[in-house]
Amino acid sequence: KEPRPVDLSPLALPDLRRERMVRAVLARAQTAA
């Protein structure tokens, strides 16, 4: 009767793209500071 958890792994970003996004956010934060 318990529902199975939804598999969200297809929505995950590739490692390289995630790293680029993290670097971009950190660069903007340093500029603002």
PDB file of all heavy atoms in Angstrom:
ATOM      1  N   LYS A   1       0.804  -1.219   0.000  1.00  0.00           N
ATOM      2  CA  LYS A   1       0.000   0.000   0.000  1.00  0.00           C
ATOM      3  C   LYS A   1       0.838   1.270   0.000  1.00  0.00           C
ATOM      4  O   LYS A   1       0.344   2.332  -0.304  1.00  0.00           O
ATOM      5  CB  LYS A   1      -0.939  -0.019   1.194  1.00  0.00           C
ATOM      6  CG  LYS A   1      -1.944  -1.152   1.103  1.00  0.00           C
ATOM      7  CD  LYS A   1      -2.994  -1.011   2.123  1.00  0.00           C
ATOM      8  CE  LYS A   1      -3.969  -2.178   1.945  1.00  0.00           C
ATOM      9  NZ  LYS A   1      -5.204  -1.958   2.556  1.00  0.00           N
ATOM     10  N   GLU A   2       2.084   1.198   0.358  1.00  0.00           N
ATOM     11  CA  GLU A   2       2.940   2.374   0.352  1.00  0.00           C
ATOM     12  C   GLU A   2       3.378   2.688  -1.076  1.00  0.00           C
ATOM     13  O   GLU A   2       3.779   1.797  -1.811  1.00  0.00           O
ATOM     14  CB  GLU A   2       4.174   2.132   1.210  1.00  0.00           C
ATOM     15  CG  GLU A   2       3.884   2.085   2.679  1.00  0.00           C
ATOM     16  CD  GLU A   2       5.149   1.917   3.476  1.00  0.00           C
ATOM     17  OE1 GLU A   2       6.225   2.320   2.982  1.00  0.00           O
ATOM     18  OE2 GLU A   2       5.061   1.365   4.565  1.00  0.00           O
ATOM     19  N   PRO A   3       3.291   3.972  -1.473  1.00  0.00           N
ATOM     20  CA  PRO A   3       3.728   4.315  -2.837  1.00  0.00           C
ATOM     21  C   PRO A   3       5.249   4.220  -2.945  1.00  0.00           C
ATOM     22  O   PRO A   3       5.979   4.463  -1.990  1.00  0.00           O
ATOM     23  CB  PRO A   3       3.254   5.745  -3.023  1.00  0.00           C
ATOM     24  CG  PRO A   3       3.103   6.285  -1.648  1.00  0.00           C
ATOM     25  CD  PRO A   3       2.774   5.121  -0.752  1.00  0.00           C
ATOM     26  N   ARG A   4       5.682   3.879  -4.130  1.00  0.00           N
ATOM     27  CA  ARG A   4       7.125   3.816  -4.371  1.00  0.00           C
ATOM     28  C   ARG A   4       7.665   5.233  -4.530  1.00  0.00           C
ATOM     29  O   ARG A   4       6.990   6.089  -5.095  1.00  0.00           O
ATOM     30  CB  ARG A   4       7.405   3.016  -5.649  1.00  0.00           C
ATOM     31  CG  ARG A   4       7.293   1.524  -5.415  1.00  0.00           C
ATOM     32  CD  ARG A   4       7.761   0.785  -6.628  1.00  0.00           C
ATOM     33  NE  ARG A   4       6.596   0.664  -7.488  1.00  0.00           N
ATOM     34  CZ  ARG A   4       6.644   0.400  -8.787  1.00  0.00           C
ATOM     35  NH1 ARG A   4       7.789   0.232  -9.385  1.00  0.00           N
ATOM     36  NH2 ARG A   4       5.546   0.287  -9.474  1.00  0.00           N
ATOM     37  N   PRO A   5       8.860   5.490  -4.042  1.00  0.00           N
ATOM     38  CA  PRO A   5       9.413   6.837  -4.212  1.00  0.00           C
ATOM     39  C   PRO A   5       9.641   7.141  -5.693  1.00  0.00           C
ATOM     40  O   PRO A   5       9.950   6.268  -6.482  1.00  0.00           O
ATOM     41  CB  PRO A   5      10.730   6.794  -3.454  1.00  0.00           C
ATOM     42  CG  PRO A   5      10.993   5.378  -3.129  1.00  0.00           C
ATOM     43  CD  PRO A   5       9.737   4.607  -3.318  1.00  0.00           C
ATOM     44  N   VAL A   6       9.456   8.407  -6.034  1.00  0.00           N
ATOM     45  CA  VAL A   6       9.625   8.851  -7.412  1.00  0.00           C
ATOM     46  C   VAL A   6      11.116   8.966  -7.702  1.00  0.00           C
ATOM     47  O   VAL A   6      11.873   9.539  -6.921  1.00  0.00           O
ATOM     48  CB  VAL A   6       8.928  10.206  -7.635  1.00  0.00           C
ATOM     49  CG1 VAL A   6       9.135  10.693  -9.052  1.00  0.00           C
ATOM     50  CG2 VAL A   6       7.452  10.096  -7.322  1.00  0.00           C
ATOM     51  N   ASP A   7      11.522   8.427  -8.832  1.00  0.00           N
ATOM     52  CA  ASP A   7      12.929   8.484  -9.235  1.00  0.00           C
ATOM     53  C   ASP A   7      13.182   9.794  -9.962  1.00  0.00           C
ATOM     54  O   ASP A   7      12.688  10.027 -11.068  1.00  0.00           O
ATOM     55  CB  ASP A   7      13.250   7.293 -10.139  1.00  0.00           C
ATOM     56  CG  ASP A   7      14.700   7.278 -10.576  1.00  0.00           C
ATOM     57  OD1 ASP A   7      15.533   7.881  -9.869  1.00  0.00           O
ATOM     58  OD2 ASP A   7      14.991   6.676 -11.630  1.00  0.00           O
ATOM     59  N   LEU A   8      13.922  10.689  -9.328  1.00  0.00           N
ATOM     60  CA  LEU A   8      14.225  11.997  -9.915  1.00  0.00           C
ATOM     61  C   LEU A   8      15.609  12.054 -10.548  1.00  0.00           C
ATOM     62  O   LEU A   8      16.065  13.118 -10.963  1.00  0.00           O
ATOM     63  CB  LEU A   8      14.111  13.085  -8.847  1.00  0.00           C
ATOM     64  CG  LEU A   8      12.722  13.261  -8.225  1.00  0.00           C
ATOM     65  CD1 LEU A   8      12.777  14.319  -7.142  1.00  0.00           C
ATOM     66  CD2 LEU A   8      11.700  13.623  -9.275  1.00  0.00           C
ATOM     67  N   SER A   9      16.275  10.944 -10.654  1.00  0.00           N
ATOM     68  CA  SER A   9      17.631  10.944 -11.206  1.00  0.00           C
ATOM     69  C   SER A   9      17.701  11.427 -12.656  1.00  0.00           C
ATOM     70  O   SER A   9      18.707  12.034 -13.041  1.00  0.00           O
ATOM     71  CB  SER A   9      18.260   9.555 -11.070  1.00  0.00           C
ATOM     72  OG  SER A   9      17.495   8.595 -11.774  1.00  0.00           O
ATOM     73  N   PRO A  10      16.659  11.260 -13.501  1.00  0.00           N
ATOM     74  CA  PRO A  10      16.762  11.823 -14.856  1.00  0.00           C
ATOM     75  C   PRO A  10      16.825  13.348 -14.883  1.00  0.00           C
ATOM     76  O   PRO A  10      17.252  13.944 -15.856  1.00  0.00           O
ATOM     77  CB  PRO A  10      15.505  11.318 -15.566  1.00  0.00           C
ATOM     78  CG  PRO A  10      15.092  10.107 -14.823  1.00  0.00           C
ATOM     79  CD  PRO A  10      15.504  10.344 -13.397  1.00  0.00           C
ATOM     80  N   LEU A  11      16.415  13.995 -13.795  1.00  0.00           N
ATOM     81  CA  LEU A  11      16.448  15.461 -13.744  1.00  0.00           C
ATOM     82  C   LEU A  11      17.790  16.002 -13.276  1.00  0.00           C
ATOM     83  O   LEU A  11      18.014  17.211 -13.299  1.00  0.00           O
ATOM     84  CB  LEU A  11      15.349  15.970 -12.804  1.00  0.00           C
ATOM     85  CG  LEU A  11      13.915  15.627 -13.205  1.00  0.00           C
ATOM     86  CD1 LEU A  11      12.956  16.117 -12.139  1.00  0.00           C
ATOM     87  CD2 LEU A  11      13.569  16.233 -14.553  1.00  0.00           C
ATOM     88  N   ALA A  12      18.668  15.156 -12.849  1.00  0.00           N
ATOM     89  CA  ALA A  12      19.969  15.590 -12.329  1.00  0.00           C
ATOM     90  C   ALA A  12      20.816  16.208 -13.436  1.00  0.00           C
ATOM     91  O   ALA A  12      20.780  15.782 -14.590  1.00  0.00           O
ATOM     92  CB  ALA A  12      20.701  14.407 -11.709  1.00  0.00           C
ATOM     93  N   LEU A  13      21.571  17.240 -13.055  1.00  0.00           N
ATOM     94  CA  LEU A  13      22.458  17.899 -14.011  1.00  0.00           C
ATOM     95  C   LEU A  13      23.748  17.086 -14.153  1.00  0.00           C
ATOM     96  O   LEU A  13      24.218  16.485 -13.177  1.00  0.00           O
ATOM     97  CB  LEU A  13      22.817  19.294 -13.519  1.00  0.00           C
ATOM     98  CG  LEU A  13      21.697  20.323 -13.524  1.00  0.00           C
ATOM     99  CD1 LEU A  13      22.179  21.590 -12.844  1.00  0.00           C
ATOM    100  CD2 LEU A  13      21.237  20.616 -14.925  1.00  0.00           C
ATOM    101  N   PRO A  14      24.351  17.132 -15.324  1.00  0.00           N
ATOM    102  CA  PRO A  14      25.669  16.515 -15.453  1.00  0.00           C
ATOM    103  C   PRO A  14      26.669  17.235 -14.541  1.00  0.00           C
ATOM    104  O   PRO A  14      26.536  18.430 -14.261  1.00  0.00           O
ATOM    105  CB  PRO A  14      26.029  16.703 -16.924  1.00  0.00           C
ATOM    106  CG  PRO A  14      24.762  17.040 -17.614  1.00  0.00           C
ATOM    107  CD  PRO A  14      23.842  17.621 -16.600  1.00  0.00           C
ATOM    108  N   ASP A  15      27.682  16.525 -14.086  1.00  0.00           N
ATOM    109  CA  ASP A  15      28.641  17.091 -13.130  1.00  0.00           C
ATOM    110  C   ASP A  15      29.325  18.344 -13.661  1.00  0.00           C
ATOM    111  O   ASP A  15      29.486  19.330 -12.937  1.00  0.00           O
ATOM    112  CB  ASP A  15      29.708  16.043 -12.766  1.00  0.00           C
ATOM    113  CG  ASP A  15      29.118  14.921 -11.932  1.00  0.00           C
ATOM    114  OD1 ASP A  15      28.067  15.149 -11.293  1.00  0.00           O
ATOM    115  OD2 ASP A  15      29.719  13.823 -11.909  1.00  0.00           O
ATOM    116  N   LEU A  16      29.723  18.334 -14.923  1.00  0.00           N
ATOM    117  CA  LEU A  16      30.422  19.486 -15.494  1.00  0.00           C
ATOM    118  C   LEU A  16      29.525  20.726 -15.505  1.00  0.00           C
ATOM    119  O   LEU A  16      29.954  21.827 -15.137  1.00  0.00           O
ATOM    120  CB  LEU A  16      30.917  19.153 -16.904  1.00  0.00           C
ATOM    121  CG  LEU A  16      31.687  20.250 -17.610  1.00  0.00           C
ATOM    122  CD1 LEU A  16      32.958  20.591 -16.822  1.00  0.00           C
ATOM    123  CD2 LEU A  16      32.042  19.818 -19.022  1.00  0.00           C
ATOM    124  N   ARG A  17      28.269  20.555 -15.887  1.00  0.00           N
ATOM    125  CA  ARG A  17      27.351  21.692 -15.952  1.00  0.00           C
ATOM    126  C   ARG A  17      27.062  22.225 -14.544  1.00  0.00           C
ATOM    127  O   ARG A  17      26.979  23.440 -14.326  1.00  0.00           O
ATOM    128  CB  ARG A  17      26.059  21.270 -16.637  1.00  0.00           C
ATOM    129  CG  ARG A  17      25.111  22.418 -16.819  1.00  0.00           C
ATOM    130  CD  ARG A  17      23.985  22.083 -17.728  1.00  0.00           C
ATOM    131  NE  ARG A  17      23.101  23.222 -17.847  1.00  0.00           N
ATOM    132  CZ  ARG A  17      21.855  23.153 -18.228  1.00  0.00           C
ATOM    133  NH1 ARG A  17      21.349  21.999 -18.589  1.00  0.00           N
ATOM    134  NH2 ARG A  17      21.116  24.223 -18.297  1.00  0.00           N
ATOM    135  N   ARG A  18      26.889  21.330 -13.584  1.00  0.00           N
ATOM    136  CA  ARG A  18      26.631  21.756 -12.215  1.00  0.00           C
ATOM    137  C   ARG A  18      27.818  22.548 -11.672  1.00  0.00           C
ATOM    138  O   ARG A  18      27.647  23.589 -11.035  1.00  0.00           O
ATOM    139  CB  ARG A  18      26.337  20.548 -11.330  1.00  0.00           C
ATOM    140  CG  ARG A  18      25.963  20.956  -9.922  1.00  0.00           C
ATOM    141  CD  ARG A  18      25.557  19.797  -9.023  1.00  0.00           C
ATOM    142  NE  ARG A  18      26.561  18.756  -8.987  1.00  0.00           N
ATOM    143  CZ  ARG A  18      26.380  17.498  -9.413  1.00  0.00           C
ATOM    144  NH1 ARG A  18      25.211  17.160  -9.920  1.00  0.00           N
ATOM    145  NH2 ARG A  18      27.359  16.607  -9.335  1.00  0.00           N
ATOM    146  N   GLU A  19      29.026  22.112 -11.953  1.00  0.00           N
ATOM    147  CA  GLU A  19      30.225  22.822 -11.498  1.00  0.00           C
ATOM    148  C   GLU A  19      30.321  24.210 -12.119  1.00  0.00           C
ATOM    149  O   GLU A  19      30.681  25.184 -11.460  1.00  0.00           O
ATOM    150  CB  GLU A  19      31.489  22.010 -11.801  1.00  0.00           C
ATOM    151  CG  GLU A  19      31.664  20.793 -10.937  1.00  0.00           C
ATOM    152  CD  GLU A  19      31.750  21.149  -9.466  1.00  0.00           C
ATOM    153  OE1 GLU A  19      32.390  22.158  -9.127  1.00  0.00           O
ATOM    154  OE2 GLU A  19      31.154  20.423  -8.655  1.00  0.00           O
ATOM    155  N   ARG A  20      29.984  24.309 -13.408  1.00  0.00           N
ATOM    156  CA  ARG A  20      30.000  25.626 -14.075  1.00  0.00           C
ATOM    157  C   ARG A  20      28.988  26.569 -13.434  1.00  0.00           C
ATOM    158  O   ARG A  20      29.268  27.753 -13.231  1.00  0.00           O
ATOM    159  CB  ARG A  20      29.680  25.470 -15.556  1.00  0.00           C
ATOM    160  CG  ARG A  20      30.811  24.923 -16.365  1.00  0.00           C
ATOM    161  CD  ARG A  20      30.427  24.862 -17.822  1.00  0.00           C
ATOM    162  NE  ARG A  20      31.453  24.193 -18.599  1.00  0.00           N
ATOM    163  CZ  ARG A  20      31.253  23.704 -19.810  1.00  0.00           C
ATOM    164  NH1 ARG A  20      30.070  23.804 -20.375  1.00  0.00           N
ATOM    165  NH2 ARG A  20      32.228  23.120 -20.456  1.00  0.00           N
ATOM    166  N   MET A  21      27.811  26.045 -13.122  1.00  0.00           N
ATOM    167  CA  MET A  21      26.782  26.877 -12.499  1.00  0.00           C
ATOM    168  C   MET A  21      27.231  27.338 -11.117  1.00  0.00           C
ATOM    169  O   MET A  21      27.032  28.504 -10.742  1.00  0.00           O
ATOM    170  CB  MET A  21      25.459  26.110 -12.404  1.00  0.00           C
ATOM    171  CG  MET A  21      24.786  25.904 -13.750  1.00  0.00           C
ATOM    172  SD  MET A  21      23.297  24.910 -13.635  1.00  0.00           S
ATOM    173  CE  MET A  21      22.232  25.991 -12.747  1.00  0.00           C
ATOM    174  N   VAL A  22      27.839  26.448 -10.348  1.00  0.00           N
ATOM    175  CA  VAL A  22      28.323  26.810  -9.012  1.00  0.00           C
ATOM    176  C   VAL A  22      29.389  27.896  -9.111  1.00  0.00           C
ATOM    177  O   VAL A  22      29.373  28.885  -8.374  1.00  0.00           O
ATOM    178  CB  VAL A  22      28.867  25.562  -8.279  1.00  0.00           C
ATOM    179  CG1 VAL A  22      29.635  25.948  -7.024  1.00  0.00           C
ATOM    180  CG2 VAL A  22      27.727  24.614  -7.936  1.00  0.00           C
ATOM    181  N   ARG A  23      30.313  27.750 -10.067  1.00  0.00           N
ATOM    182  CA  ARG A  23      31.366  28.758 -10.239  1.00  0.00           C
ATOM    183  C   ARG A  23      30.771  30.103 -10.653  1.00  0.00           C
ATOM    184  O   ARG A  23      31.222  31.161 -10.187  1.00  0.00           O
ATOM    185  CB  ARG A  23      32.385  28.281 -11.278  1.00  0.00           C
ATOM    186  CG  ARG A  23      33.444  27.385 -10.656  1.00  0.00           C
ATOM    187  CD  ARG A  23      34.575  27.102 -11.628  1.00  0.00           C
ATOM    188  NE  ARG A  23      34.389  25.721 -12.052  1.00  0.00           N
ATOM    189  CZ  ARG A  23      34.334  25.277 -13.298  1.00  0.00           C
ATOM    190  NH1 ARG A  23      34.503  26.099 -14.294  1.00  0.00           N
ATOM    191  NH2 ARG A  23      34.136  24.007 -13.567  1.00  0.00           N
ATOM    192  N   ALA A  24      29.766  30.086 -11.524  1.00  0.00           N
ATOM    193  CA  ALA A  24      29.146  31.336 -11.968  1.00  0.00           C
ATOM    194  C   ALA A  24      28.453  32.051 -10.804  1.00  0.00           C
ATOM    195  O   ALA A  24      28.559  33.276 -10.654  1.00  0.00           O
ATOM    196  CB  ALA A  24      28.152  31.064 -13.085  1.00  0.00           C
ATOM    197  N   VAL A  25      27.754  31.296  -9.971  1.00  0.00           N
ATOM    198  CA  VAL A  25      27.071  31.899  -8.828  1.00  0.00           C
ATOM    199  C   VAL A  25      28.081  32.476  -7.846  1.00  0.00           C
ATOM    200  O   VAL A  25      27.917  33.599  -7.341  1.00  0.00           O
ATOM    201  CB  VAL A  25      26.155  30.857  -8.141  1.00  0.00           C
ATOM    202  CG1 VAL A  25      25.648  31.371  -6.806  1.00  0.00           C
ATOM    203  CG2 VAL A  25      24.989  30.508  -9.049  1.00  0.00           C
ATOM    204  N   LEU A  26      29.143  31.736  -7.569  1.00  0.00           N
ATOM    205  CA  LEU A  26      30.166  32.227  -6.644  1.00  0.00           C
ATOM    206  C   LEU A  26      30.869  33.462  -7.196  1.00  0.00           C
ATOM    207  O   LEU A  26      31.192  34.389  -6.444  1.00  0.00           O
ATOM    208  CB  LEU A  26      31.180  31.120  -6.340  1.00  0.00           C
ATOM    209  CG  LEU A  26      30.644  29.953  -5.486  1.00  0.00           C
ATOM    210  CD1 LEU A  26      31.698  28.874  -5.344  1.00  0.00           C
ATOM    211  CD2 LEU A  26      30.179  30.458  -4.142  1.00  0.00           C
ATOM    212  N   ALA A  27      31.111  33.504  -8.510  1.00  0.00           N
ATOM    213  CA  ALA A  27      31.751  34.677  -9.116  1.00  0.00           C
ATOM    214  C   ALA A  27      30.858  35.905  -8.979  1.00  0.00           C
ATOM    215  O   ALA A  27      31.338  37.004  -8.667  1.00  0.00           O
ATOM    216  CB  ALA A  27      32.068  34.403 -10.582  1.00  0.00           C
ATOM    217  N   ARG A  28      29.545  35.738  -9.181  1.00  0.00           N
ATOM    218  CA  ARG A  28      28.627  36.865  -9.024  1.00  0.00           C
ATOM    219  C   ARG A  28      28.578  37.328  -7.574  1.00  0.00           C
ATOM    220  O   ARG A  28      28.483  38.522  -7.299  1.00  0.00           O
ATOM    221  CB  ARG A  28      27.226  36.476  -9.500  1.00  0.00           C
ATOM    222  CG  ARG A  28      27.107  36.452 -10.983  1.00  0.00           C
ATOM    223  CD  ARG A  28      25.657  36.308 -11.415  1.00  0.00           C
ATOM    224  NE  ARG A  28      25.635  35.489 -12.617  1.00  0.00           N
ATOM    225  CZ  ARG A  28      24.906  34.412 -12.806  1.00  0.00           C
ATOM    226  NH1 ARG A  28      24.083  34.006 -11.869  1.00  0.00           N
ATOM    227  NH2 ARG A  28      24.953  33.749 -13.919  1.00  0.00           N
ATOM    228  N   ALA A  29      28.615  36.391  -6.652  1.00  0.00           N
ATOM    229  CA  ALA A  29      28.578  36.748  -5.228  1.00  0.00           C
ATOM    230  C   ALA A  29      29.828  37.529  -4.833  1.00  0.00           C
ATOM    231  O   ALA A  29      29.748  38.490  -4.063  1.00  0.00           O
ATOM    232  CB  ALA A  29      28.444  35.491  -4.377  1.00  0.00           C
ATOM    233  N   GLN A  30      30.978  37.144  -5.351  1.00  0.00           N
ATOM    234  CA  GLN A  30      32.208  37.868  -5.040  1.00  0.00           C
ATOM    235  C   GLN A  30      32.180  39.265  -5.635  1.00  0.00           C
ATOM    236  O   GLN A  30      32.647  40.221  -5.025  1.00  0.00           O
ATOM    237  CB  GLN A  30      33.423  37.092  -5.540  1.00  0.00           C
ATOM    238  CG  GLN A  30      33.709  35.844  -4.733  1.00  0.00           C
ATOM    239  CD  GLN A  30      34.826  35.013  -5.337  1.00  0.00           C
ATOM    240  OE1 GLN A  30      35.286  35.290  -6.440  1.00  0.00           O
ATOM    241  NE2 GLN A  30      35.247  33.992  -4.618  1.00  0.00           N
ATOM    242  N   THR A  31      31.623  39.401  -6.828  1.00  0.00           N
ATOM    243  CA  THR A  31      31.526  40.717  -7.466  1.00  0.00           C
ATOM    244  C   THR A  31      30.628  41.634  -6.650  1.00  0.00           C
ATOM    245  O   THR A  31      30.943  42.804  -6.450  1.00  0.00           O
ATOM    246  CB  THR A  31      30.987  40.582  -8.901  1.00  0.00           C
ATOM    247  OG1 THR A  31      31.825  39.694  -9.616  1.00  0.00           O
ATOM    248  CG2 THR A  31      30.935  41.912  -9.600  1.00  0.00           C
ATOM    249  N   ALA A  32      29.502  41.103  -6.178  1.00  0.00           N
ATOM    250  CA  ALA A  32      28.577  41.916  -5.385  1.00  0.00           C
ATOM    251  C   ALA A  32      29.216  42.311  -4.060  1.00  0.00           C
ATOM    252  O   ALA A  32      29.031  43.430  -3.581  1.00  0.00           O
ATOM    253  CB  ALA A  32      27.282  41.160  -5.145  1.00  0.00           C
ATOM    254  N   ALA A  33      29.968  41.404  -3.460  1.00  0.00           N
ATOM    255  CA  ALA A  33      30.624  41.719  -2.192  1.00  0.00           C
ATOM    256  C   ALA A  33      31.721  42.758  -2.389  1.00  0.00           C
ATOM    257  O   ALA A  33      31.963  43.589  -1.509  1.00  0.00           O
ATOM    258  CB  ALA A  33      31.207  40.455  -1.568  1.00  0.00           C
TER     259      ALA A  33
END
